Amino acid sequence: MFSVGLFFAVLSALYGLVAGILGVIAVVPTFDLGIIAAIGAGIGGILLAMVVWAIGGFIGGIIAAFVYNLVFAVQGGIEVDLDVESRQG
């Protein structure tokens, strides 16, 4: 379950990067900040979005893996039939 949570954390952090960039583009120009403050707010906003989304993705991934394992433990899993027939032409 940890590996699924880690995968979703990394994927969500990438989504957070995009959301953070879009959020900074939308919000920072509306405030009258100096250039240094705007850069600091931009970097801080992007990093905060990445961390928050990564934590949410990790928790969501662990919950999804737990539910998946619980359902398939009760249901009996997936059976895959790999019967390969040889074809003679």
N, C-alpha and C. Protein backbone atom coordinates (compact mmCIF):
# COMPACT_ATOMS: atom_id res chain seq x y z
N MET A 1 0.81 -1.19 0.00
CA MET A 1 0.00 0.00 0.00
C MET A 1 0.86 1.26 0.00
N PHE A 2 2.02 1.17 0.63
CA PHE A 2 2.89 2.35 0.70
C PHE A 2 3.36 2.77 -0.68
N SER A 3 3.67 1.79 -1.54
CA SER A 3 4.16 2.14 -2.87
C SER A 3 3.07 2.81 -3.71
N VAL A 4 1.82 2.39 -3.54
CA VAL A 4 0.72 3.04 -4.25
C VAL A 4 0.55 4.47 -3.73
N GLY A 5 0.64 4.63 -2.42
CA GLY A 5 0.55 5.96 -1.83
C GLY A 5 1.67 6.86 -2.31
N LEU A 6 2.87 6.31 -2.42
CA LEU A 6 4.01 7.10 -2.89
C LEU A 6 3.83 7.50 -4.35
N PHE A 7 3.34 6.57 -5.17
CA PHE A 7 3.07 6.88 -6.57
C PHE A 7 2.08 8.02 -6.70
N PHE A 8 0.97 7.92 -5.96
CA PHE A 8 -0.04 8.96 -6.02
C PHE A 8 0.47 10.28 -5.44
N ALA A 9 1.36 10.22 -4.47
CA ALA A 9 1.94 11.44 -3.91
C ALA A 9 2.78 12.16 -4.96
N VAL A 10 3.60 11.42 -5.70
CA VAL A 10 4.43 12.04 -6.73
C VAL A 10 3.55 12.59 -7.85
N LEU A 11 2.56 11.81 -8.28
CA LEU A 11 1.66 12.26 -9.33
C LEU A 11 0.89 13.51 -8.90
N SER A 12 0.42 13.51 -7.68
CA SER A 12 -0.32 14.66 -7.17
C SER A 12 0.58 15.87 -6.98
N ALA A 13 1.84 15.65 -6.63
CA ALA A 13 2.78 16.77 -6.52
C ALA A 13 2.98 17.44 -7.87
N LEU A 14 3.00 16.65 -8.93
CA LEU A 14 3.11 17.25 -10.27
C LEU A 14 1.85 18.05 -10.60
N TYR A 15 0.69 17.53 -10.24
CA TYR A 15 -0.55 18.29 -10.41
C TYR A 15 -0.50 19.56 -9.56
N GLY A 16 0.04 19.46 -8.36
CA GLY A 16 0.17 20.62 -7.49
C GLY A 16 1.11 21.66 -8.08
N LEU A 17 2.14 21.22 -8.76
CA LEU A 17 3.05 22.14 -9.43
C LEU A 17 2.30 22.96 -10.47
N VAL A 18 1.52 22.28 -11.29
CA VAL A 18 0.74 22.98 -12.31
C VAL A 18 -0.29 23.91 -11.66
N ALA A 19 -0.99 23.42 -10.65
CA ALA A 19 -2.00 24.23 -9.96
C ALA A 19 -1.35 25.43 -9.27
N GLY A 20 -0.17 25.21 -8.69
CA GLY A 20 0.54 26.31 -8.03
C GLY A 20 0.97 27.38 -9.00
N ILE A 21 1.47 26.97 -10.14
CA ILE A 21 1.89 27.93 -11.16
C ILE A 21 0.69 28.74 -11.66
N LEU A 22 -0.40 28.03 -11.94
CA LEU A 22 -1.60 28.73 -12.41
C LEU A 22 -2.16 29.65 -11.33
N GLY A 23 -2.12 29.20 -10.09
CA GLY A 23 -2.60 30.04 -8.98
C GLY A 23 -1.75 31.27 -8.79
N VAL A 24 -0.45 31.12 -8.89
CA VAL A 24 0.45 32.27 -8.74
C VAL A 24 0.25 33.25 -9.89
N ILE A 25 0.09 32.73 -11.10
CA ILE A 25 -0.14 33.61 -12.25
C ILE A 25 -1.43 34.40 -12.06
N ALA A 26 -2.43 33.76 -11.45
CA ALA A 26 -3.72 34.43 -11.27
C ALA A 26 -3.74 35.40 -10.10
N VAL A 27 -3.00 35.11 -9.03
CA VAL A 27 -3.14 35.88 -7.79
C VAL A 27 -2.07 36.95 -7.61
N VAL A 28 -0.82 36.63 -7.86
CA VAL A 28 0.26 37.56 -7.53
C VAL A 28 0.14 38.90 -8.27
N PRO A 29 -0.24 38.94 -9.54
CA PRO A 29 -0.35 40.26 -10.20
C PRO A 29 -1.43 41.16 -9.61
N THR A 30 -2.37 40.61 -8.86
CA THR A 30 -3.45 41.43 -8.30
C THR A 30 -3.00 42.21 -7.07
N PHE A 31 -1.86 41.84 -6.48
CA PHE A 31 -1.36 42.54 -5.31
C PHE A 31 -0.25 43.50 -5.71
N ASP A 32 -0.14 44.59 -4.98
CA ASP A 32 0.91 45.57 -5.24
C ASP A 32 2.12 45.20 -4.39
N LEU A 33 2.93 44.26 -4.89
CA LEU A 33 4.11 43.79 -4.18
C LEU A 33 5.36 44.25 -4.93
N GLY A 34 6.45 44.29 -4.21
CA GLY A 34 7.72 44.53 -4.88
C GLY A 34 8.13 43.27 -5.62
N ILE A 35 9.15 43.36 -6.44
CA ILE A 35 9.57 42.22 -7.25
C ILE A 35 10.07 41.07 -6.38
N ILE A 36 10.82 41.38 -5.33
CA ILE A 36 11.34 40.34 -4.45
C ILE A 36 10.19 39.65 -3.70
N ALA A 37 9.25 40.42 -3.22
CA ALA A 37 8.11 39.84 -2.51
C ALA A 37 7.25 39.00 -3.45
N ALA A 38 7.09 39.46 -4.68
CA ALA A 38 6.30 38.71 -5.65
C ALA A 38 6.97 37.38 -5.99
N ILE A 39 8.29 37.40 -6.14
CA ILE A 39 9.01 36.15 -6.42
C ILE A 39 8.91 35.21 -5.23
N GLY A 40 9.08 35.75 -4.02
CA GLY A 40 8.97 34.92 -2.82
C GLY A 40 7.58 34.34 -2.65
N ALA A 41 6.56 35.16 -2.90
CA ALA A 41 5.19 34.67 -2.79
C ALA A 41 4.91 33.63 -3.86
N GLY A 42 5.46 33.81 -5.04
CA GLY A 42 5.26 32.85 -6.12
C GLY A 42 5.89 31.50 -5.81
N ILE A 43 7.13 31.54 -5.37
CA ILE A 43 7.82 30.29 -5.04
C ILE A 43 7.16 29.61 -3.85
N GLY A 44 6.80 30.41 -2.84
CA GLY A 44 6.13 29.85 -1.67
C GLY A 44 4.79 29.24 -2.02
N GLY A 45 4.02 29.91 -2.88
CA GLY A 45 2.72 29.39 -3.29
C GLY A 45 2.84 28.09 -4.06
N ILE A 46 3.82 28.03 -4.95
CA ILE A 46 4.03 26.81 -5.74
C ILE A 46 4.45 25.66 -4.84
N LEU A 47 5.40 25.90 -3.93
CA LEU A 47 5.85 24.84 -3.03
C LEU A 47 4.74 24.38 -2.09
N LEU A 48 3.96 25.33 -1.59
CA LEU A 48 2.85 24.97 -0.72
C LEU A 48 1.82 24.12 -1.45
N ALA A 49 1.50 24.48 -2.68
CA ALA A 49 0.55 23.70 -3.47
C ALA A 49 1.08 22.29 -3.71
N MET A 50 2.37 22.17 -4.03
CA MET A 50 2.95 20.85 -4.27
C MET A 50 2.89 19.98 -3.03
N VAL A 51 3.22 20.54 -1.88
CA VAL A 51 3.24 19.76 -0.64
C VAL A 51 1.82 19.34 -0.25
N VAL A 52 0.89 20.27 -0.34
CA VAL A 52 -0.50 19.94 0.05
C VAL A 52 -1.08 18.88 -0.88
N TRP A 53 -0.87 19.03 -2.18
CA TRP A 53 -1.38 18.04 -3.13
C TRP A 53 -0.69 16.70 -2.94
N ALA A 54 0.61 16.69 -2.64
CA ALA A 54 1.33 15.43 -2.42
C ALA A 54 0.81 14.70 -1.19
N ILE A 55 0.55 15.43 -0.12
CA ILE A 55 0.01 14.80 1.10
C ILE A 55 -1.38 14.22 0.82
N GLY A 56 -2.22 14.98 0.12
CA GLY A 56 -3.54 14.49 -0.23
C GLY A 56 -3.48 13.29 -1.15
N GLY A 57 -2.56 13.30 -2.10
CA GLY A 57 -2.40 12.16 -3.01
C GLY A 57 -1.91 10.93 -2.30
N PHE A 58 -1.00 11.10 -1.34
CA PHE A 58 -0.49 9.97 -0.57
C PHE A 58 -1.60 9.33 0.25
N ILE A 59 -2.36 10.16 0.94
CA ILE A 59 -3.46 9.64 1.76
C ILE A 59 -4.52 8.99 0.87
N GLY A 60 -4.87 9.63 -0.24
CA GLY A 60 -5.84 9.06 -1.16
C GLY A 60 -5.36 7.75 -1.78
N GLY A 61 -4.08 7.67 -2.10
CA GLY A 61 -3.52 6.44 -2.66
C GLY A 61 -3.55 5.29 -1.68
N ILE A 62 -3.24 5.57 -0.43
CA ILE A 62 -3.28 4.52 0.59
C ILE A 62 -4.71 4.05 0.81
N ILE A 63 -5.66 4.98 0.85
CA ILE A 63 -7.06 4.60 1.02
C ILE A 63 -7.54 3.77 -0.18
N ALA A 64 -7.18 4.19 -1.39
CA ALA A 64 -7.58 3.45 -2.58
C ALA A 64 -6.98 2.05 -2.59
N ALA A 65 -5.72 1.90 -2.22
CA ALA A 65 -5.08 0.59 -2.19
C ALA A 65 -5.71 -0.29 -1.11
N PHE A 66 -6.05 0.30 0.03
CA PHE A 66 -6.69 -0.47 1.10
C PHE A 66 -8.05 -0.99 0.65
N VAL A 67 -8.85 -0.12 0.04
CA VAL A 67 -10.18 -0.54 -0.43
C VAL A 67 -10.04 -1.59 -1.52
N TYR A 68 -9.11 -1.41 -2.44
CA TYR A 68 -8.86 -2.39 -3.51
C TYR A 68 -8.51 -3.74 -2.91
N ASN A 69 -7.58 -3.76 -1.97
CA ASN A 69 -7.18 -5.03 -1.35
C ASN A 69 -8.33 -5.65 -0.57
N LEU A 70 -9.11 -4.85 0.10
CA LEU A 70 -10.24 -5.35 0.87
C LEU A 70 -11.30 -5.97 -0.04
N VAL A 71 -11.63 -5.29 -1.12
CA VAL A 71 -12.65 -5.79 -2.04
C VAL A 71 -12.20 -7.09 -2.70
N PHE A 72 -10.97 -7.14 -3.16
CA PHE A 72 -10.53 -8.34 -3.85
C PHE A 72 -10.19 -9.48 -2.90
N ALA A 73 -9.95 -9.20 -1.64
CA ALA A 73 -9.79 -10.27 -0.66
C ALA A 73 -11.13 -10.95 -0.40
N VAL A 74 -12.19 -10.16 -0.35
CA VAL A 74 -13.53 -10.71 -0.12
C VAL A 74 -14.05 -11.38 -1.40
N GLN A 75 -13.82 -10.76 -2.53
CA GLN A 75 -14.36 -11.23 -3.81
C GLN A 75 -13.58 -12.42 -4.34
N GLY A 76 -12.34 -12.54 -4.02
CA GLY A 76 -11.54 -13.68 -4.47
C GLY A 76 -10.51 -13.34 -5.51
N GLY A 77 -10.41 -12.11 -5.87
CA GLY A 77 -9.35 -11.70 -6.79
C GLY A 77 -9.77 -11.80 -8.25
N ILE A 78 -8.80 -11.61 -9.11
CA ILE A 78 -9.02 -11.66 -10.55
C ILE A 78 -8.34 -12.92 -11.07
N GLU A 79 -9.07 -13.67 -11.88
CA GLU A 79 -8.49 -14.87 -12.48
C GLU A 79 -8.19 -14.56 -13.94
N VAL A 80 -6.97 -14.83 -14.33
CA VAL A 80 -6.54 -14.57 -15.70
C VAL A 80 -6.21 -15.90 -16.35
N ASP A 81 -6.83 -16.15 -17.49
CA ASP A 81 -6.59 -17.39 -18.23
C ASP A 81 -5.68 -17.08 -19.40
N LEU A 82 -4.49 -17.64 -19.37
CA LEU A 82 -3.50 -17.39 -20.41
C LEU A 82 -3.31 -18.64 -21.26
N ASP A 83 -4.38 -19.17 -21.81
CA ASP A 83 -4.32 -20.36 -22.61
C ASP A 83 -3.95 -19.95 -24.02
N VAL A 84 -2.78 -20.35 -24.44
CA VAL A 84 -2.28 -19.99 -25.76
C VAL A 84 -2.40 -21.20 -26.67
N GLU A 85 -3.11 -21.01 -27.75
CA GLU A 85 -3.25 -22.10 -28.72
C GLU A 85 -2.26 -21.88 -29.85
N SER A 86 -1.62 -22.95 -30.25
CA SER A 86 -0.68 -22.82 -31.36
C SER A 86 -1.45 -22.90 -32.66
N ARG A 87 -1.11 -22.03 -33.57
CA ARG A 87 -1.78 -22.00 -34.88
C ARG A 87 -0.84 -22.57 -35.92
N GLN A 88 -1.37 -23.49 -36.68
CA GLN A 88 -0.58 -24.07 -37.76
C GLN A 88 -1.26 -23.67 -39.07
N GLY A 89 -0.48 -23.06 -39.95
CA GLY A 89 -1.09 -22.53 -41.16
C GLY A 89 -0.81 -23.27 -42.36
